[in-house]
Amino acid sequence: MWAIPMDIAPRFSGSASGLMNTGSAPAAIVSPLVFGHVIDKTGDWTLPFLGTIGLLLIGAMLVFWMTPDEELPGQGLTVPLAAKAAKL
């Protein structure tokens, strides 16, 4: 998982890794609560897993809209930190 940000955003892999880590922590906290709530309300253990499969399928479909080869708007306006350090 940690190699994916380097593929998606090589110049900003640290920020992408941080966003990924920030998103995974709340998901790890909330998902057991949601699973338990759905099972308590319905008595069916299949529904939470079907919801998880649905989220995974949505994620797999969203991958096709990712364009890691295109630059972000305004990306060329900043001077890389290494270039600033080289001038010192």
N, C-alpha and C. Protein backbone atom coordinates (compact mmCIF):
# COMPACT_ATOMS: atom_id res chain seq x y z
N MET A 1 0.81 -1.20 0.00
CA MET A 1 0.00 0.00 0.00
C MET A 1 0.85 1.26 0.00
N TRP A 2 1.98 1.20 0.68
CA TRP A 2 2.78 2.42 0.80
C TRP A 2 3.56 2.75 -0.47
N ALA A 3 3.64 1.83 -1.42
CA ALA A 3 4.30 2.13 -2.69
C ALA A 3 3.36 2.83 -3.66
N ILE A 4 2.06 2.72 -3.44
CA ILE A 4 1.08 3.31 -4.36
C ILE A 4 1.21 4.84 -4.43
N PRO A 5 1.37 5.56 -3.32
CA PRO A 5 1.52 7.02 -3.45
C PRO A 5 2.72 7.43 -4.31
N MET A 6 3.78 6.63 -4.31
CA MET A 6 4.93 6.95 -5.15
C MET A 6 4.61 6.79 -6.62
N ASP A 7 3.70 5.88 -6.96
CA ASP A 7 3.28 5.71 -8.35
C ASP A 7 2.31 6.81 -8.77
N ILE A 8 1.40 7.15 -7.87
CA ILE A 8 0.35 8.11 -8.21
C ILE A 8 0.87 9.54 -8.23
N ALA A 9 1.62 9.92 -7.22
CA ALA A 9 2.11 11.29 -7.09
C ALA A 9 3.58 11.27 -6.69
N PRO A 10 4.49 11.00 -7.63
CA PRO A 10 5.90 10.85 -7.26
C PRO A 10 6.50 12.10 -6.61
N ARG A 11 6.11 13.28 -7.05
CA ARG A 11 6.66 14.50 -6.46
C ARG A 11 6.05 14.81 -5.10
N PHE A 12 4.87 14.29 -4.86
CA PHE A 12 4.16 14.57 -3.61
C PHE A 12 3.82 13.28 -2.87
N SER A 13 4.72 12.31 -2.93
CA SER A 13 4.42 11.01 -2.32
C SER A 13 4.31 11.10 -0.80
N GLY A 14 5.00 12.02 -0.19
CA GLY A 14 4.88 12.20 1.26
C GLY A 14 3.50 12.69 1.64
N SER A 15 3.00 13.67 0.90
CA SER A 15 1.64 14.18 1.17
C SER A 15 0.59 13.13 0.86
N ALA A 16 0.78 12.41 -0.24
CA ALA A 16 -0.17 11.36 -0.59
C ALA A 16 -0.17 10.25 0.46
N SER A 17 0.99 9.89 0.97
CA SER A 17 1.07 8.88 2.03
C SER A 17 0.38 9.37 3.30
N GLY A 18 0.57 10.63 3.62
CA GLY A 18 -0.09 11.20 4.79
C GLY A 18 -1.60 11.19 4.67
N LEU A 19 -2.10 11.54 3.47
CA LEU A 19 -3.55 11.51 3.25
C LEU A 19 -4.08 10.08 3.34
N MET A 20 -3.32 9.13 2.79
CA MET A 20 -3.74 7.74 2.86
C MET A 20 -3.79 7.27 4.32
N ASN A 21 -2.78 7.61 5.09
CA ASN A 21 -2.74 7.22 6.49
C ASN A 21 -3.85 7.90 7.28
N THR A 22 -4.12 9.16 6.98
CA THR A 22 -5.19 9.89 7.65
C THR A 22 -6.55 9.28 7.35
N GLY A 23 -6.74 8.81 6.14
CA GLY A 23 -8.02 8.19 5.78
C GLY A 23 -8.18 6.79 6.33
N SER A 24 -7.08 6.07 6.48
CA SER A 24 -7.20 4.69 6.94
C SER A 24 -7.45 4.58 8.44
N ALA A 25 -6.96 5.55 9.20
CA ALA A 25 -7.16 5.49 10.65
C ALA A 25 -8.64 5.63 11.04
N PRO A 26 -9.36 6.63 10.54
CA PRO A 26 -10.79 6.70 10.88
C PRO A 26 -11.58 5.49 10.35
N ALA A 27 -11.18 4.99 9.19
CA ALA A 27 -11.87 3.81 8.65
C ALA A 27 -11.68 2.61 9.55
N ALA A 28 -10.49 2.46 10.11
CA ALA A 28 -10.23 1.34 11.02
C ALA A 28 -11.00 1.49 12.33
N ILE A 29 -11.31 2.71 12.71
CA ILE A 29 -12.08 2.93 13.93
C ILE A 29 -13.57 2.76 13.68
N VAL A 30 -14.05 3.28 12.57
CA VAL A 30 -15.50 3.31 12.30
C VAL A 30 -16.02 1.97 11.79
N SER A 31 -15.25 1.25 11.00
CA SER A 31 -15.78 0.04 10.36
C SER A 31 -16.26 -1.02 11.36
N PRO A 32 -15.56 -1.30 12.46
CA PRO A 32 -16.11 -2.28 13.41
C PRO A 32 -17.41 -1.80 14.05
N LEU A 33 -17.51 -0.49 14.28
CA LEU A 33 -18.74 0.05 14.85
C LEU A 33 -19.91 -0.09 13.89
N VAL A 34 -19.65 0.21 12.60
CA VAL A 34 -20.70 0.09 11.58
C VAL A 34 -21.08 -1.37 11.40
N PHE A 35 -20.09 -2.25 11.34
CA PHE A 35 -20.37 -3.69 11.22
C PHE A 35 -21.28 -4.15 12.36
N GLY A 36 -20.90 -3.81 13.59
CA GLY A 36 -21.68 -4.23 14.75
C GLY A 36 -23.08 -3.66 14.75
N HIS A 37 -23.22 -2.40 14.36
CA HIS A 37 -24.54 -1.76 14.32
C HIS A 37 -25.45 -2.44 13.29
N VAL A 38 -24.90 -2.68 12.10
CA VAL A 38 -25.70 -3.32 11.05
C VAL A 38 -26.10 -4.73 11.47
N ILE A 39 -25.19 -5.46 12.07
CA ILE A 39 -25.51 -6.83 12.52
C ILE A 39 -26.54 -6.81 13.64
N ASP A 40 -26.43 -5.85 14.58
CA ASP A 40 -27.41 -5.74 15.67
C ASP A 40 -28.80 -5.41 15.13
N LYS A 41 -28.87 -4.51 14.15
CA LYS A 41 -30.17 -4.08 13.64
C LYS A 41 -30.83 -5.11 12.73
N THR A 42 -30.02 -5.82 11.94
CA THR A 42 -30.59 -6.75 10.96
C THR A 42 -30.46 -8.21 11.38
N GLY A 43 -29.48 -8.54 12.20
CA GLY A 43 -29.23 -9.93 12.55
C GLY A 43 -28.59 -10.71 11.43
N ASP A 44 -28.19 -10.02 10.38
CA ASP A 44 -27.61 -10.68 9.20
C ASP A 44 -26.13 -10.32 9.10
N TRP A 45 -25.29 -11.33 9.09
CA TRP A 45 -23.85 -11.11 8.99
C TRP A 45 -23.41 -10.87 7.56
N THR A 46 -24.26 -11.12 6.60
CA THR A 46 -23.88 -10.97 5.20
C THR A 46 -23.87 -9.51 4.76
N LEU A 47 -24.78 -8.70 5.28
CA LEU A 47 -24.91 -7.31 4.83
C LEU A 47 -23.64 -6.47 5.00
N PRO A 48 -22.95 -6.53 6.13
CA PRO A 48 -21.72 -5.72 6.22
C PRO A 48 -20.67 -6.13 5.20
N PHE A 49 -20.58 -7.42 4.93
CA PHE A 49 -19.60 -7.87 3.94
C PHE A 49 -20.01 -7.46 2.53
N LEU A 50 -21.30 -7.46 2.25
CA LEU A 50 -21.75 -6.97 0.94
C LEU A 50 -21.47 -5.48 0.79
N GLY A 51 -21.63 -4.73 1.87
CA GLY A 51 -21.29 -3.31 1.83
C GLY A 51 -19.82 -3.09 1.58
N THR A 52 -18.99 -3.90 2.20
CA THR A 52 -17.55 -3.81 1.99
C THR A 52 -17.18 -4.15 0.55
N ILE A 53 -17.81 -5.18 0.01
CA ILE A 53 -17.56 -5.54 -1.39
C ILE A 53 -17.98 -4.40 -2.31
N GLY A 54 -19.11 -3.75 -2.00
CA GLY A 54 -19.57 -2.61 -2.80
C GLY A 54 -18.56 -1.47 -2.77
N LEU A 55 -18.03 -1.16 -1.59
CA LEU A 55 -17.03 -0.09 -1.49
C LEU A 55 -15.75 -0.44 -2.26
N LEU A 56 -15.35 -1.70 -2.20
CA LEU A 56 -14.17 -2.12 -2.95
C LEU A 56 -14.39 -2.02 -4.46
N LEU A 57 -15.58 -2.35 -4.91
CA LEU A 57 -15.90 -2.23 -6.34
C LEU A 57 -15.92 -0.77 -6.78
N ILE A 58 -16.47 0.10 -5.94
CA ILE A 58 -16.46 1.53 -6.26
C ILE A 58 -15.01 2.03 -6.35
N GLY A 59 -14.17 1.62 -5.42
CA GLY A 59 -12.75 2.00 -5.47
C GLY A 59 -12.06 1.49 -6.71
N ALA A 60 -12.38 0.27 -7.12
CA ALA A 60 -11.78 -0.29 -8.33
C ALA A 60 -12.23 0.47 -9.57
N MET A 61 -13.46 0.95 -9.58
CA MET A 61 -13.94 1.73 -10.72
C MET A 61 -13.31 3.13 -10.74
N LEU A 62 -13.10 3.71 -9.57
CA LEU A 62 -12.50 5.05 -9.51
C LEU A 62 -11.05 5.06 -9.98
N VAL A 63 -10.38 3.93 -9.91
CA VAL A 63 -8.99 3.85 -10.36
C VAL A 63 -8.87 4.22 -11.83
N PHE A 64 -9.89 3.92 -12.62
CA PHE A 64 -9.82 4.20 -14.06
C PHE A 64 -9.87 5.69 -14.37
N TRP A 65 -10.29 6.53 -13.41
CA TRP A 65 -10.32 7.98 -13.63
C TRP A 65 -9.05 8.66 -13.12
N MET A 66 -8.16 7.92 -12.51
CA MET A 66 -6.92 8.50 -12.02
C MET A 66 -5.99 8.76 -13.20
N THR A 67 -5.35 9.91 -13.19
CA THR A 67 -4.42 10.27 -14.26
C THR A 67 -3.10 10.72 -13.64
N PRO A 68 -2.26 9.78 -13.23
CA PRO A 68 -1.00 10.17 -12.58
C PRO A 68 0.00 10.83 -13.53
N ASP A 69 -0.21 10.70 -14.85
CA ASP A 69 0.72 11.31 -15.79
C ASP A 69 0.44 12.79 -16.01
N GLU A 70 -0.74 13.27 -15.65
CA GLU A 70 -1.09 14.68 -15.82
C GLU A 70 -0.65 15.47 -14.60
N GLU A 71 -0.14 16.67 -14.86
CA GLU A 71 0.26 17.53 -13.75
C GLU A 71 -0.96 18.20 -13.15
N LEU A 72 -0.89 18.48 -11.86
CA LEU A 72 -1.96 19.18 -11.19
C LEU A 72 -1.93 20.65 -11.59
N PRO A 73 -3.09 21.33 -11.60
CA PRO A 73 -3.08 22.76 -11.91
C PRO A 73 -2.24 23.53 -10.89
N GLY A 74 -1.38 24.41 -11.39
CA GLY A 74 -0.54 25.21 -10.52
C GLY A 74 0.69 24.49 -10.02
N GLN A 75 0.90 23.26 -10.45
CA GLN A 75 2.03 22.49 -9.96
C GLN A 75 3.35 23.07 -10.44
N GLY A 76 3.38 23.64 -11.62
CA GLY A 76 4.62 24.18 -12.16
C GLY A 76 5.00 25.52 -11.57
N LEU A 77 4.16 26.11 -10.75
CA LEU A 77 4.42 27.42 -10.19
C LEU A 77 5.36 27.38 -8.99
N THR A 78 5.49 26.24 -8.36
CA THR A 78 6.31 26.15 -7.16
C THR A 78 7.74 25.75 -7.52
N VAL A 79 8.67 26.21 -6.73
CA VAL A 79 10.07 25.83 -6.90
C VAL A 79 10.33 24.68 -5.94
N PRO A 80 10.85 23.55 -6.44
CA PRO A 80 11.13 22.41 -5.55
C PRO A 80 12.11 22.81 -4.46
N LEU A 81 11.96 22.19 -3.30
CA LEU A 81 12.81 22.48 -2.15
C LEU A 81 14.28 22.21 -2.44
N ALA A 82 14.56 21.19 -3.23
CA ALA A 82 15.95 20.86 -3.58
C ALA A 82 16.58 22.00 -4.38
N ALA A 83 15.79 22.63 -5.26
CA ALA A 83 16.33 23.75 -6.05
C ALA A 83 16.61 24.95 -5.15
N LYS A 84 15.75 25.18 -4.17
CA LYS A 84 15.99 26.27 -3.23
C LYS A 84 17.25 26.02 -2.41
N ALA A 85 17.43 24.77 -1.98
CA ALA A 85 18.60 24.41 -1.18
C ALA A 85 19.89 24.52 -2.01
N ALA A 86 19.80 24.23 -3.32
CA ALA A 86 20.98 24.27 -4.17
C ALA A 86 21.47 25.72 -4.34
N LYS A 87 20.57 26.69 -4.26
CA LYS A 87 20.95 28.08 -4.41
C LYS A 87 21.66 28.61 -3.17
N LEU A 88 21.46 27.96 -2.04
CA LEU A 88 22.12 28.40 -0.80
C LEU A 88 23.55 28.07 -0.87
